[in-house]
Amino acid sequence: MPFVMELQPQGFVPAVRCDHCGNHVTAETGLILWSIDSPLAIGSAPVFIACDQDCADALTARYPESQFAVIALDAYLVTLVEDSLEIDADAVREREELAWTIEHTRDEVDQVLD
C-alpha cells in the first residue's frame, strides 16, 4: 500500500511509498499511473504510485498489454482533496489542532489528579 503512516520524532505522519521500489515519494517527482484499458463496466481504475519517471516506466513495463495515463502526484492530490472530496484544508487543520489541545489538556488534568 503506497499510502502509509511513518513514525517520525513528532509522531506518526502520512507518507507515500513507490509501488515499484518502495522508496519515499515526493510531491515534486511523484507520479500517479492508471490503466486506460480498464473495462467501462467497473467505472474506475486502480492507481499505481511511482517516485519518479524511471519507476513509472518500470511499473508500466510489468503490463506491456496495457496503456497507462499519468498525472503528477501533487496535481492528483490537489484535485482529490479540493475538487472530488471538497475538503477545506484550513478547517481540517483547525479541527485537528482543537482536538489535540483538548486531548493534551485532558492528559494534564489527569496528571494533576493522580
N, C-alpha and C. Protein backbone atom coordinates (compact mmCIF):
# COMPACT_ATOMS: atom_id res chain seq x y z
N MET A 1 0.85 -1.19 0.00
CA MET A 1 0.00 0.00 0.00
C MET A 1 0.88 1.23 0.00
N PRO A 2 0.79 2.07 -1.00
CA PRO A 2 1.67 3.22 -1.11
C PRO A 2 1.44 4.31 -0.05
N PHE A 3 0.21 4.49 0.41
CA PHE A 3 -0.04 5.49 1.44
C PHE A 3 0.14 4.83 2.80
N VAL A 4 1.09 5.34 3.57
CA VAL A 4 1.43 4.73 4.85
C VAL A 4 1.53 5.80 5.93
N MET A 5 1.59 5.36 7.18
CA MET A 5 1.89 6.24 8.31
C MET A 5 3.28 5.86 8.79
N GLU A 6 4.17 6.85 8.84
CA GLU A 6 5.55 6.62 9.27
C GLU A 6 5.76 7.25 10.64
N LEU A 7 6.53 6.57 11.47
CA LEU A 7 6.86 7.11 12.79
C LEU A 7 8.05 8.04 12.65
N GLN A 8 7.83 9.30 12.96
CA GLN A 8 8.86 10.34 12.95
C GLN A 8 9.02 10.84 14.39
N PRO A 9 10.03 11.64 14.68
CA PRO A 9 10.20 12.14 16.05
C PRO A 9 8.95 12.85 16.60
N GLN A 10 8.20 13.53 15.73
CA GLN A 10 7.00 14.25 16.18
C GLN A 10 5.76 13.35 16.25
N GLY A 11 5.90 12.08 15.93
CA GLY A 11 4.78 11.14 15.95
C GLY A 11 4.56 10.54 14.57
N PHE A 12 3.42 9.89 14.39
CA PHE A 12 3.10 9.29 13.10
C PHE A 12 2.67 10.38 12.12
N VAL A 13 3.22 10.31 10.93
CA VAL A 13 2.88 11.26 9.86
C VAL A 13 2.59 10.49 8.58
N PRO A 14 1.70 11.02 7.74
CA PRO A 14 1.42 10.34 6.48
C PRO A 14 2.61 10.42 5.54
N ALA A 15 2.77 9.38 4.76
CA ALA A 15 3.84 9.34 3.76
C ALA A 15 3.35 8.54 2.57
N VAL A 16 4.10 8.62 1.49
CA VAL A 16 3.76 7.90 0.26
C VAL A 16 4.98 7.10 -0.16
N ARG A 17 4.76 5.83 -0.52
CA ARG A 17 5.83 4.93 -0.96
C ARG A 17 5.58 4.52 -2.40
N CYS A 18 6.66 4.31 -3.13
CA CYS A 18 6.59 3.92 -4.53
C CYS A 18 6.13 2.46 -4.66
N ASP A 19 5.22 2.21 -5.58
CA ASP A 19 4.76 0.84 -5.83
C ASP A 19 5.83 -0.03 -6.47
N HIS A 20 6.83 0.58 -7.08
CA HIS A 20 7.88 -0.21 -7.72
C HIS A 20 9.04 -0.49 -6.77
N CYS A 21 9.67 0.56 -6.23
CA CYS A 21 10.89 0.37 -5.44
C CYS A 21 10.67 0.47 -3.93
N GLY A 22 9.52 0.99 -3.50
CA GLY A 22 9.23 1.13 -2.08
C GLY A 22 9.83 2.37 -1.44
N ASN A 23 10.53 3.19 -2.21
CA ASN A 23 11.13 4.41 -1.66
C ASN A 23 10.09 5.49 -1.42
N HIS A 24 10.49 6.49 -0.64
CA HIS A 24 9.66 7.65 -0.34
C HIS A 24 9.34 8.40 -1.64
N VAL A 25 8.11 8.86 -1.78
CA VAL A 25 7.68 9.61 -2.94
C VAL A 25 7.48 11.06 -2.54
N THR A 26 8.02 11.97 -3.33
CA THR A 26 7.81 13.39 -3.07
C THR A 26 6.75 13.95 -4.00
N ALA A 27 6.16 15.05 -3.59
CA ALA A 27 5.15 15.69 -4.42
C ALA A 27 5.75 16.21 -5.72
N GLU A 28 7.02 16.59 -5.67
CA GLU A 28 7.66 17.18 -6.85
C GLU A 28 7.94 16.16 -7.95
N THR A 29 8.30 14.94 -7.58
CA THR A 29 8.67 13.95 -8.59
C THR A 29 7.69 12.79 -8.69
N GLY A 30 6.77 12.67 -7.73
CA GLY A 30 5.84 11.55 -7.71
C GLY A 30 4.86 11.58 -8.87
N LEU A 31 4.49 10.39 -9.32
CA LEU A 31 3.55 10.24 -10.43
C LEU A 31 2.47 9.24 -10.07
N ILE A 32 1.27 9.49 -10.55
CA ILE A 32 0.14 8.56 -10.42
C ILE A 32 -0.10 7.98 -11.81
N LEU A 33 -0.20 6.65 -11.90
CA LEU A 33 -0.46 5.98 -13.17
C LEU A 33 -1.71 5.13 -13.04
N TRP A 34 -2.47 5.02 -14.10
CA TRP A 34 -3.61 4.12 -14.12
C TRP A 34 -3.82 3.61 -15.54
N SER A 35 -4.36 2.43 -15.61
CA SER A 35 -4.61 1.82 -16.92
C SER A 35 -5.83 2.46 -17.55
N ILE A 36 -5.68 2.84 -18.81
CA ILE A 36 -6.83 3.38 -19.54
C ILE A 36 -7.55 2.27 -20.29
N ASP A 37 -7.10 1.02 -20.06
CA ASP A 37 -7.73 -0.14 -20.68
C ASP A 37 -8.80 -0.78 -19.79
N SER A 38 -9.01 -0.23 -18.61
CA SER A 38 -9.98 -0.83 -17.69
C SER A 38 -11.36 -0.87 -18.32
N PRO A 39 -12.06 -1.95 -18.09
CA PRO A 39 -13.41 -2.05 -18.65
C PRO A 39 -14.31 -0.94 -18.14
N LEU A 40 -15.12 -0.40 -19.02
CA LEU A 40 -16.03 0.66 -18.63
C LEU A 40 -17.02 0.20 -17.56
N ALA A 41 -17.26 -1.09 -17.49
CA ALA A 41 -18.24 -1.62 -16.55
C ALA A 41 -17.86 -1.35 -15.10
N ILE A 42 -16.55 -1.31 -14.80
CA ILE A 42 -16.18 -1.10 -13.39
C ILE A 42 -16.20 0.37 -13.01
N GLY A 43 -16.12 1.26 -13.99
CA GLY A 43 -16.26 2.68 -13.73
C GLY A 43 -15.09 3.35 -13.04
N SER A 44 -14.04 2.61 -12.73
CA SER A 44 -12.86 3.20 -12.10
C SER A 44 -11.67 2.30 -12.37
N ALA A 45 -10.50 2.82 -12.07
CA ALA A 45 -9.28 2.04 -12.28
C ALA A 45 -8.36 2.25 -11.09
N PRO A 46 -7.74 1.19 -10.60
CA PRO A 46 -6.78 1.36 -9.50
C PRO A 46 -5.58 2.17 -10.00
N VAL A 47 -4.90 2.82 -9.07
CA VAL A 47 -3.74 3.62 -9.44
C VAL A 47 -2.47 3.01 -8.87
N PHE A 48 -1.36 3.30 -9.56
CA PHE A 48 -0.03 3.00 -9.07
C PHE A 48 0.63 4.32 -8.73
N ILE A 49 1.53 4.29 -7.77
CA ILE A 49 2.30 5.48 -7.42
C ILE A 49 3.76 5.18 -7.67
N ALA A 50 4.41 6.09 -8.40
CA ALA A 50 5.84 5.95 -8.70
C ALA A 50 6.58 7.16 -8.15
N CYS A 51 7.80 6.93 -7.69
CA CYS A 51 8.59 8.03 -7.12
C CYS A 51 9.22 8.90 -8.19
N ASP A 52 9.38 8.38 -9.40
CA ASP A 52 9.97 9.16 -10.50
C ASP A 52 9.64 8.48 -11.82
N GLN A 53 10.12 9.08 -12.90
CA GLN A 53 9.81 8.55 -14.22
C GLN A 53 10.40 7.16 -14.44
N ASP A 54 11.60 6.90 -13.90
CA ASP A 54 12.20 5.57 -14.07
C ASP A 54 11.33 4.48 -13.46
N CYS A 55 10.81 4.73 -12.26
CA CYS A 55 9.94 3.73 -11.62
C CYS A 55 8.60 3.63 -12.34
N ALA A 56 8.11 4.74 -12.85
CA ALA A 56 6.87 4.71 -13.64
C ALA A 56 7.06 3.83 -14.87
N ASP A 57 8.21 3.99 -15.54
CA ASP A 57 8.50 3.15 -16.71
C ASP A 57 8.59 1.68 -16.33
N ALA A 58 9.21 1.39 -15.18
CA ALA A 58 9.32 0.00 -14.72
C ALA A 58 7.95 -0.58 -14.40
N LEU A 59 7.08 0.22 -13.78
CA LEU A 59 5.73 -0.27 -13.47
C LEU A 59 4.94 -0.57 -14.74
N THR A 60 4.99 0.32 -15.71
CA THR A 60 4.24 0.08 -16.94
C THR A 60 4.82 -1.08 -17.73
N ALA A 61 6.12 -1.33 -17.59
CA ALA A 61 6.75 -2.47 -18.28
C ALA A 61 6.23 -3.80 -17.76
N ARG A 62 5.73 -3.83 -16.54
CA ARG A 62 5.15 -5.06 -15.99
C ARG A 62 3.87 -5.47 -16.71
N TYR A 63 3.22 -4.50 -17.35
CA TYR A 63 1.94 -4.73 -18.01
C TYR A 63 2.03 -4.25 -19.46
N PRO A 64 2.81 -4.95 -20.28
CA PRO A 64 3.02 -4.48 -21.67
C PRO A 64 1.74 -4.46 -22.50
N GLU A 65 0.73 -5.20 -22.08
CA GLU A 65 -0.51 -5.24 -22.83
C GLU A 65 -1.43 -4.06 -22.51
N SER A 66 -1.07 -3.26 -21.51
CA SER A 66 -1.92 -2.15 -21.08
C SER A 66 -1.34 -0.80 -21.49
N GLN A 67 -2.25 0.15 -21.63
CA GLN A 67 -1.86 1.54 -21.86
C GLN A 67 -2.15 2.32 -20.58
N PHE A 68 -1.22 3.20 -20.20
CA PHE A 68 -1.37 3.92 -18.95
C PHE A 68 -1.43 5.43 -19.18
N ALA A 69 -2.20 6.09 -18.35
CA ALA A 69 -2.21 7.54 -18.28
C ALA A 69 -1.43 7.93 -17.03
N VAL A 70 -0.89 9.15 -17.02
CA VAL A 70 -0.05 9.60 -15.92
C VAL A 70 -0.44 11.03 -15.55
N ILE A 71 -0.41 11.31 -14.24
CA ILE A 71 -0.60 12.66 -13.74
C ILE A 71 0.38 12.85 -12.59
N ALA A 72 0.86 14.06 -12.42
CA ALA A 72 1.77 14.35 -11.31
C ALA A 72 1.06 14.12 -9.98
N LEU A 73 1.79 13.61 -8.99
CA LEU A 73 1.20 13.32 -7.68
C LEU A 73 0.57 14.55 -7.06
N ASP A 74 1.26 15.69 -7.12
CA ASP A 74 0.70 16.89 -6.49
C ASP A 74 -0.61 17.32 -7.15
N ALA A 75 -0.69 17.22 -8.48
CA ALA A 75 -1.92 17.56 -9.18
C ALA A 75 -3.05 16.60 -8.81
N TYR A 76 -2.72 15.31 -8.71
CA TYR A 76 -3.71 14.30 -8.32
C TYR A 76 -4.27 14.60 -6.94
N LEU A 77 -3.36 14.89 -5.98
CA LEU A 77 -3.80 15.12 -4.60
C LEU A 77 -4.63 16.39 -4.47
N VAL A 78 -4.22 17.46 -5.14
CA VAL A 78 -4.99 18.71 -5.08
C VAL A 78 -6.38 18.49 -5.65
N THR A 79 -6.46 17.81 -6.79
CA THR A 79 -7.76 17.53 -7.40
C THR A 79 -8.61 16.66 -6.49
N LEU A 80 -7.98 15.64 -5.89
CA LEU A 80 -8.71 14.74 -4.99
C LEU A 80 -9.24 15.50 -3.78
N VAL A 81 -8.37 16.24 -3.13
CA VAL A 81 -8.75 16.92 -1.89
C VAL A 81 -9.72 18.07 -2.13
N GLU A 82 -9.38 18.95 -3.05
CA GLU A 82 -10.19 20.15 -3.23
C GLU A 82 -11.43 19.95 -4.08
N ASP A 83 -11.32 19.17 -5.14
CA ASP A 83 -12.44 19.03 -6.07
C ASP A 83 -13.32 17.83 -5.76
N SER A 84 -12.71 16.65 -5.71
CA SER A 84 -13.51 15.43 -5.53
C SER A 84 -14.07 15.29 -4.12
N LEU A 85 -13.23 15.50 -3.11
CA LEU A 85 -13.67 15.33 -1.73
C LEU A 85 -14.14 16.63 -1.09
N GLU A 86 -13.86 17.76 -1.73
CA GLU A 86 -14.26 19.08 -1.24
C GLU A 86 -13.83 19.31 0.20
N ILE A 87 -12.57 19.03 0.48
CA ILE A 87 -12.03 19.20 1.82
C ILE A 87 -11.47 20.61 1.96
N ASP A 88 -11.86 21.29 3.03
CA ASP A 88 -11.33 22.61 3.37
C ASP A 88 -10.13 22.37 4.29
N ALA A 89 -8.93 22.48 3.74
CA ALA A 89 -7.72 22.16 4.48
C ALA A 89 -7.58 23.00 5.75
N ASP A 90 -7.91 24.28 5.69
CA ASP A 90 -7.78 25.14 6.87
C ASP A 90 -8.74 24.70 7.97
N ALA A 91 -9.96 24.34 7.60
CA ALA A 91 -10.93 23.88 8.60
C ALA A 91 -10.48 22.57 9.24
N VAL A 92 -9.90 21.69 8.44
CA VAL A 92 -9.40 20.41 8.98
C VAL A 92 -8.26 20.66 9.95
N ARG A 93 -7.33 21.54 9.59
CA ARG A 93 -6.22 21.86 10.49
C ARG A 93 -6.72 22.44 11.81
N GLU A 94 -7.68 23.36 11.74
CA GLU A 94 -8.25 23.95 12.95
C GLU A 94 -8.90 22.87 13.82
N ARG A 95 -9.66 21.99 13.21
CA ARG A 95 -10.32 20.91 13.96
C ARG A 95 -9.30 20.01 14.64
N GLU A 96 -8.24 19.64 13.91
CA GLU A 96 -7.23 18.75 14.47
C GLU A 96 -6.43 19.43 15.58
N GLU A 97 -6.13 20.72 15.42
CA GLU A 97 -5.44 21.46 16.48
C GLU A 97 -6.30 21.53 17.73
N LEU A 98 -7.59 21.77 17.57
CA LEU A 98 -8.50 21.81 18.71
C LEU A 98 -8.58 20.45 19.38
N ALA A 99 -8.68 19.39 18.60
CA ALA A 99 -8.73 18.04 19.17
C ALA A 99 -7.45 17.73 19.94
N TRP A 100 -6.29 18.13 19.39
CA TRP A 100 -5.02 17.90 20.08
C TRP A 100 -4.98 18.69 21.38
N THR A 101 -5.43 19.94 21.35
CA THR A 101 -5.44 20.78 22.55
C THR A 101 -6.33 20.18 23.62
N ILE A 102 -7.49 19.71 23.24
CA ILE A 102 -8.41 19.10 24.20
C ILE A 102 -7.78 17.85 24.80
N GLU A 103 -7.20 17.00 23.98
CA GLU A 103 -6.57 15.77 24.48
C GLU A 103 -5.38 16.09 25.39
N HIS A 104 -4.57 17.05 24.97
CA HIS A 104 -3.40 17.44 25.77
C HIS A 104 -3.84 18.01 27.12
N THR A 105 -4.87 18.83 27.12
CA THR A 105 -5.40 19.40 28.36
C THR A 105 -5.95 18.30 29.26
N ARG A 106 -6.65 17.34 28.68
CA ARG A 106 -7.20 16.23 29.45
C ARG A 106 -6.07 15.43 30.11
N ASP A 107 -4.98 15.19 29.35
CA ASP A 107 -3.83 14.47 29.91
C ASP A 107 -3.21 15.25 31.07
N GLU A 108 -3.10 16.56 30.93
CA GLU A 108 -2.53 17.38 32.00
C GLU A 108 -3.40 17.33 33.25
N VAL A 109 -4.72 17.39 33.07
CA VAL A 109 -5.64 17.32 34.21
C VAL A 109 -5.50 15.96 34.90
N ASP A 110 -5.44 14.89 34.12
CA ASP A 110 -5.27 13.54 34.69
C ASP A 110 -3.99 13.46 35.51
N GLN A 111 -2.91 14.06 35.01
CA GLN A 111 -1.63 14.03 35.74
C GLN A 111 -1.71 14.78 37.05
N VAL A 112 -2.42 15.91 37.07
CA VAL A 112 -2.57 16.70 38.29
C VAL A 112 -3.41 15.93 39.30
N LEU A 113 -4.42 15.22 38.82
CA LEU A 113 -5.32 14.49 39.72
C LEU A 113 -4.68 13.22 40.27
N ASP A 114 -3.68 12.71 39.59
CA ASP A 114 -3.01 11.49 40.07
C ASP A 114 -2.10 11.82 41.16
